[in-house]
Amino acid sequence: MNCTVIGKSVQGASHIVHNTECQDSYRQIQFDDGCAIVAVADGHGSSSCPFSKSGSTIAVNTFIHIISELHDLYADKLDALSTYLNREGEVKIAQTIDLEWKKRVLKAHSNAKRDFPLDEDGNRNKEAVYKMYGSTLLGAFITPEFVFAFQLGDGDIMFVNDTYCEPVIEGDKILGVETHSLSKNQAWKTTITTIRRIDDNMFPCLFMLSTDGLSNSYINDVEFKKTCTDYYNLIKEYGATRISKQLKDWLSDTSREGCGDDITAVFAYLTQ
């Protein structure tokens, strides 16, 4: 299996007008054995989350770090790794990511010499610090045998091929403009994970991770899925490298004509 990954983050049109930085982050890493890890995060960007860009950067780095350790541990035992992730993804893995993100946030806050708010007893209020860095997190661990998908908060993880365009994970749609966040107490409990097996009938195919700025720029899910399919067909016809050169402009146009939010989209194109 060959896996090609491309992605871009763009500052939302409304953020440009108000001179606020892009709060999104993404990161990807690929291994010689054909495996890849992709992570996308959306910092909340509200006045109560002044450091959410740092929070989203910490989020993607945390996911890459923890899943990379699992890849190294199980590199020649993908069946065992699939079983482990299927059993522990929403509990042990989610807990580890949640705790590691919070640990790194406190370290970043301290290293930046930022003031710690105090609780009513005069102790450092860690929960208040976490809120300042609030972020969502999407992740995918792609192997020749399966894909492990991870979602905490809003955004979309989509699967597209010649036959299907569908969510890999059905995200929580009941919160309206609110979203689950790594900054919340026991955030891991709101994590959704799944395993999707890789088989020969799937190729070529696309796994697409995007912040909610992309889907919110379309009037409904039907139009969003059409766009996902368009990206798949473009990559299939012209190649990922050529599409990557145009991606930033396309996403910026989408934000300007749509919801005005930051947009991050990462595409993992798989072929035999």
Protein backbone atom coordinates (compact mmCIF):
# COMPACT_ATOMS: atom_id res chain seq x y z
CA MET A 1 0.00 0.00 0.00
CA ASN A 2 1.14 3.51 -0.83
CA CYS A 3 0.00 6.44 1.32
CA THR A 4 0.46 10.05 0.24
CA VAL A 5 -0.46 12.79 2.72
CA ILE A 6 -1.04 16.46 1.93
CA GLY A 7 -2.63 19.20 4.02
CA LYS A 8 -2.99 22.92 4.66
CA SER A 9 -4.24 25.29 7.34
CA VAL A 10 -5.61 28.69 6.32
CA GLN A 11 -6.60 31.74 8.33
CA GLY A 12 -10.32 32.28 8.18
CA ALA A 13 -11.69 35.24 6.24
CA SER A 14 -13.33 36.69 9.35
CA HIS A 15 -10.07 36.22 11.29
CA ILE A 16 -8.20 38.19 8.65
CA VAL A 17 -10.68 41.05 9.01
CA HIS A 18 -10.32 41.07 12.80
CA ASN A 19 -6.55 40.42 12.70
CA THR A 20 -6.71 37.19 14.73
CA GLU A 21 -4.31 34.34 14.01
CA CYS A 22 -5.32 30.94 12.68
CA GLN A 23 -6.16 28.73 15.65
CA ASP A 24 -5.90 25.44 13.73
CA SER A 25 -2.93 23.07 13.70
CA TYR A 26 -2.06 19.88 11.87
CA ARG A 27 0.82 17.47 11.73
CA GLN A 28 1.61 14.27 9.91
CA ILE A 29 4.36 11.68 10.04
CA GLN A 30 5.03 8.76 7.71
CA PHE A 31 7.06 5.61 8.29
CA ASP A 32 9.08 3.38 5.98
CA ASP A 33 6.67 0.48 6.53
CA GLY A 34 3.78 2.35 4.87
CA CYS A 35 2.13 3.54 8.07
CA ALA A 36 1.19 7.18 8.63
CA ILE A 37 -0.17 9.25 11.50
CA VAL A 38 -2.22 12.38 10.88
CA ALA A 39 -3.59 14.83 13.46
CA VAL A 40 -5.75 17.94 13.12
CA ALA A 41 -6.82 20.29 15.93
CA ASP A 42 -9.01 23.38 16.17
CA GLY A 43 -8.28 25.87 18.93
CA HIS A 44 -11.45 27.50 20.23
CA GLY A 45 -10.24 31.05 19.70
CA SER A 46 -12.71 32.73 22.05
CA SER A 47 -11.75 35.50 24.47
CA SER A 48 -11.66 32.92 27.28
CA CYS A 49 -9.16 30.81 25.28
CA PRO A 50 -6.36 33.29 24.45
CA PHE A 51 -3.73 30.57 23.95
CA SER A 52 -5.80 28.09 21.96
CA LYS A 53 -3.36 28.18 19.04
CA SER A 54 -0.76 26.76 21.42
CA GLY A 55 -3.39 24.32 22.68
CA SER A 56 -4.09 22.99 19.19
CA THR A 57 -0.37 22.66 18.45
CA ILE A 58 0.11 20.73 21.68
CA ALA A 59 -2.87 18.55 20.76
CA VAL A 60 -1.49 17.38 17.41
CA ASN A 61 1.99 16.85 18.86
CA THR A 62 0.52 14.80 21.70
CA PHE A 63 -1.42 12.54 19.33
CA ILE A 64 1.59 12.00 17.07
CA HIS A 65 3.83 11.23 20.07
CA ILE A 66 1.54 8.69 21.70
CA ILE A 67 0.52 6.87 18.52
CA SER A 68 4.15 6.82 17.32
CA GLU A 69 5.11 4.99 20.50
CA LEU A 70 2.41 2.39 19.79
CA HIS A 71 3.62 2.06 16.20
CA ASP A 72 7.17 1.40 17.39
CA LEU A 73 5.99 -1.09 20.00
CA TYR A 74 3.74 -3.07 17.63
CA ALA A 75 5.49 -2.43 14.30
CA ASP A 76 5.59 -6.12 13.35
CA LYS A 77 2.34 -7.09 15.10
CA LEU A 78 -0.39 -5.08 13.39
CA ASP A 79 -3.10 -7.62 14.22
CA ALA A 80 -2.31 -7.31 17.92
CA LEU A 81 -2.19 -3.52 17.61
CA SER A 82 -5.59 -3.44 15.92
CA THR A 83 -7.06 -5.54 18.72
CA TYR A 84 -5.49 -3.29 21.35
CA LEU A 85 -6.72 -0.07 19.75
CA ASN A 86 -10.20 -1.48 19.25
CA ARG A 87 -10.38 -2.45 22.91
CA GLU A 88 -8.59 0.50 24.50
CA GLY A 89 -9.07 3.39 22.04
CA GLU A 90 -11.89 5.15 23.87
CA VAL A 91 -10.52 4.48 27.34
CA LYS A 92 -6.81 3.93 27.86
CA ILE A 93 -5.59 5.68 24.70
CA ALA A 94 -8.02 8.57 25.18
CA GLN A 95 -7.05 8.91 28.84
CA THR A 96 -3.36 8.95 27.94
CA ILE A 97 -3.86 11.67 25.32
CA ASP A 98 -6.06 13.71 27.67
CA LEU A 99 -3.55 13.58 30.53
CA GLU A 100 -0.52 14.18 28.31
CA TRP A 101 -2.14 17.22 26.69
CA LYS A 102 -2.92 18.73 30.09
CA LYS A 103 0.60 18.00 31.32
CA ARG A 104 2.12 19.72 28.29
CA VAL A 105 -0.23 22.70 28.60
CA LEU A 106 0.86 23.33 32.19
CA LYS A 107 4.51 23.06 31.16
CA ALA A 108 4.00 25.46 28.23
CA HIS A 109 2.15 27.93 30.46
CA SER A 110 4.95 27.82 33.04
CA ASN A 111 7.73 28.07 30.42
CA ALA A 112 6.06 31.16 28.96
CA LYS A 113 6.10 32.70 32.47
CA ARG A 114 2.36 33.36 32.33
CA ASP A 115 0.45 34.04 35.53
CA PHE A 116 -1.42 31.15 37.10
CA PRO A 117 -4.97 32.00 38.16
CA LEU A 118 -5.80 30.98 41.73
CA ASP A 119 -8.84 29.15 43.01
CA GLU A 120 -10.85 30.27 46.05
CA ASP A 121 -8.39 28.49 48.34
CA GLY A 122 -5.41 30.31 46.86
CA ASN A 123 -4.10 27.28 44.97
CA ARG A 124 -3.11 27.23 41.31
CA ASN A 125 -6.28 26.74 39.26
CA LYS A 126 -5.21 24.18 36.65
CA GLU A 127 -8.69 23.92 35.14
CA ALA A 128 -8.65 27.66 34.40
CA VAL A 129 -5.29 27.25 32.64
CA TYR A 130 -6.57 24.34 30.53
CA LYS A 131 -9.48 26.48 29.37
CA MET A 132 -7.10 29.14 28.08
CA TYR A 133 -5.64 26.52 25.69
CA GLY A 134 -8.90 24.83 24.69
CA SER A 135 -8.83 22.70 21.53
CA THR A 136 -10.47 19.83 19.72
CA LEU A 137 -8.50 16.89 18.27
CA LEU A 138 -8.92 14.61 15.26
CA GLY A 139 -6.46 11.85 14.49
CA ALA A 140 -5.91 8.91 12.18
CA PHE A 141 -3.36 6.10 12.35
CA ILE A 142 -3.14 4.56 8.88
CA THR A 143 -1.60 1.12 8.39
CA PRO A 144 -1.63 -1.39 5.51
CA GLU A 145 -4.19 -3.45 7.46
CA PHE A 146 -6.45 -0.92 9.19
CA VAL A 147 -7.10 2.73 9.99
CA PHE A 148 -7.64 3.84 13.58
CA ALA A 149 -9.66 7.07 13.81
CA PHE A 150 -9.89 9.29 16.89
CA GLN A 151 -12.20 12.25 17.48
CA LEU A 152 -12.64 14.58 20.45
CA GLY A 153 -14.81 17.57 19.58
CA ASP A 154 -16.14 18.78 16.26
CA GLY A 155 -14.66 18.39 12.79
CA ASP A 156 -14.92 15.62 10.23
CA ILE A 157 -13.10 12.40 9.34
CA MET A 158 -14.33 11.23 5.95
CA PHE A 159 -13.73 8.19 3.74
CA VAL A 160 -14.04 8.56 -0.03
CA ASN A 161 -13.49 6.18 -2.94
CA ASP A 162 -15.15 5.46 -6.28
CA THR A 163 -18.20 4.02 -4.50
CA TYR A 164 -18.59 5.77 -1.14
CA CYS A 165 -18.33 9.12 0.56
CA GLU A 166 -19.14 8.72 4.23
CA PRO A 167 -18.05 9.71 7.73
CA VAL A 168 -15.56 7.38 9.37
CA ILE A 169 -16.88 8.65 12.70
CA GLU A 170 -20.32 10.15 13.25
CA GLY A 171 -19.37 13.22 15.29
CA ASP A 172 -21.55 14.67 18.04
CA LYS A 173 -24.05 17.01 16.35
CA ILE A 174 -26.21 17.85 19.37
CA LEU A 175 -24.12 20.67 20.81
CA GLY A 176 -24.84 23.38 18.23
CA VAL A 177 -22.04 25.94 18.28
CA GLU A 178 -20.49 24.30 21.34
CA THR A 179 -18.01 21.46 21.12
CA HIS A 180 -16.28 18.95 23.33
CA SER A 181 -12.79 20.06 24.31
CA LEU A 182 -9.51 18.74 25.63
CA SER A 183 -9.71 21.50 28.22
CA LYS A 184 -12.70 19.92 29.98
CA ASN A 185 -12.44 17.76 33.08
CA GLN A 186 -12.19 14.08 32.04
CA ALA A 187 -12.24 15.12 28.40
CA TRP A 188 -11.35 11.57 27.37
CA LYS A 189 -14.92 10.47 28.13
CA THR A 190 -16.17 12.40 25.08
CA THR A 191 -13.74 10.67 22.70
CA ILE A 192 -15.07 8.55 19.84
CA THR A 193 -12.80 6.02 18.12
CA THR A 194 -13.21 3.36 15.47
CA ILE A 195 -11.23 0.84 13.44
CA ARG A 196 -11.76 0.51 9.68
CA ARG A 197 -10.22 -2.50 7.98
CA ILE A 198 -8.22 -2.07 4.79
CA ASP A 199 -9.07 -4.45 1.94
CA ASP A 200 -8.23 -4.61 -1.77
CA ASN A 201 -11.69 -3.48 -2.84
CA MET A 202 -11.20 -0.06 -1.21
CA PHE A 203 -8.39 1.21 -3.45
CA PRO A 204 -7.85 3.90 -4.44
CA CYS A 205 -9.34 5.78 -1.50
CA LEU A 206 -9.04 8.94 0.52
CA PHE A 207 -9.17 9.57 4.25
CA MET A 208 -9.87 13.24 4.87
CA LEU A 209 -9.59 15.07 8.21
CA SER A 210 -10.89 18.63 8.43
CA THR A 211 -11.82 21.20 11.05
CA ASP A 212 -15.45 22.31 11.19
CA GLY A 213 -14.64 25.48 9.26
CA LEU A 214 -14.79 23.36 6.09
CA SER A 215 -18.10 21.57 6.59
CA ASN A 216 -19.71 24.70 8.08
CA SER A 217 -18.95 26.55 4.84
CA TYR A 218 -21.55 24.44 2.99
CA ILE A 219 -25.31 24.67 3.29
CA ASN A 220 -25.75 20.99 4.16
CA ASP A 221 -24.02 17.61 4.42
CA VAL A 222 -24.87 16.77 0.81
CA GLU A 223 -22.86 19.73 -0.50
CA PHE A 224 -20.01 18.97 1.89
CA LYS A 225 -19.84 15.36 0.69
CA LYS A 226 -19.81 16.56 -2.92
CA THR A 227 -16.76 18.65 -2.08
CA CYS A 228 -15.04 15.67 -0.43
CA THR A 229 -15.70 13.63 -3.56
CA ASP A 230 -14.39 16.47 -5.74
CA TYR A 231 -11.12 16.51 -3.79
CA TYR A 232 -10.82 12.73 -4.16
CA ASN A 233 -11.36 12.91 -7.92
CA LEU A 234 -8.87 15.77 -8.29
CA ILE A 235 -6.16 13.92 -6.38
CA LYS A 236 -6.90 10.74 -8.34
CA GLU A 237 -6.67 12.53 -11.69
CA TYR A 238 -3.88 15.05 -11.13
CA GLY A 239 -1.87 13.64 -8.23
CA ALA A 240 -1.49 14.80 -4.65
CA THR A 241 1.56 17.01 -5.30
CA ARG A 242 -0.22 19.14 -7.89
CA ILE A 243 -3.33 19.47 -5.74
CA SER A 244 -1.23 20.43 -2.73
CA LYS A 245 0.02 23.51 -4.62
CA GLN A 246 -3.56 24.73 -5.10
CA LEU A 247 -4.99 23.66 -1.76
CA LYS A 248 -4.27 26.80 0.25
CA ASP A 249 -5.99 29.04 -2.30
CA TRP A 250 -9.01 26.72 -2.52
CA LEU A 251 -9.46 26.55 1.24
CA SER A 252 -9.10 30.33 1.55
CA ASP A 253 -11.79 30.79 -1.11
CA THR A 254 -14.04 28.35 0.75
CA SER A 255 -13.65 30.28 4.00
CA ARG A 256 -14.31 33.61 2.29
CA GLU A 257 -17.42 32.33 0.51
CA GLY A 258 -18.56 30.24 3.46
CA CYS A 259 -18.51 30.60 7.24
CA GLY A 260 -15.34 32.72 7.47
CA ASP A 261 -13.66 30.41 9.98
CA ASP A 262 -10.16 28.95 9.90
CA ILE A 263 -9.99 25.80 7.81
CA THR A 264 -7.59 22.88 8.00
CA ALA A 265 -7.88 19.90 5.67
CA VAL A 266 -5.52 16.93 5.50
CA PHE A 267 -5.83 14.20 2.88
CA ALA A 268 -4.32 10.71 3.05
CA TYR A 269 -4.58 9.14 -0.43
CA LEU A 270 -4.14 5.37 -0.46
CA THR A 271 -3.30 3.22 -3.49
CA GLN A 272 -2.14 -0.35 -3.93
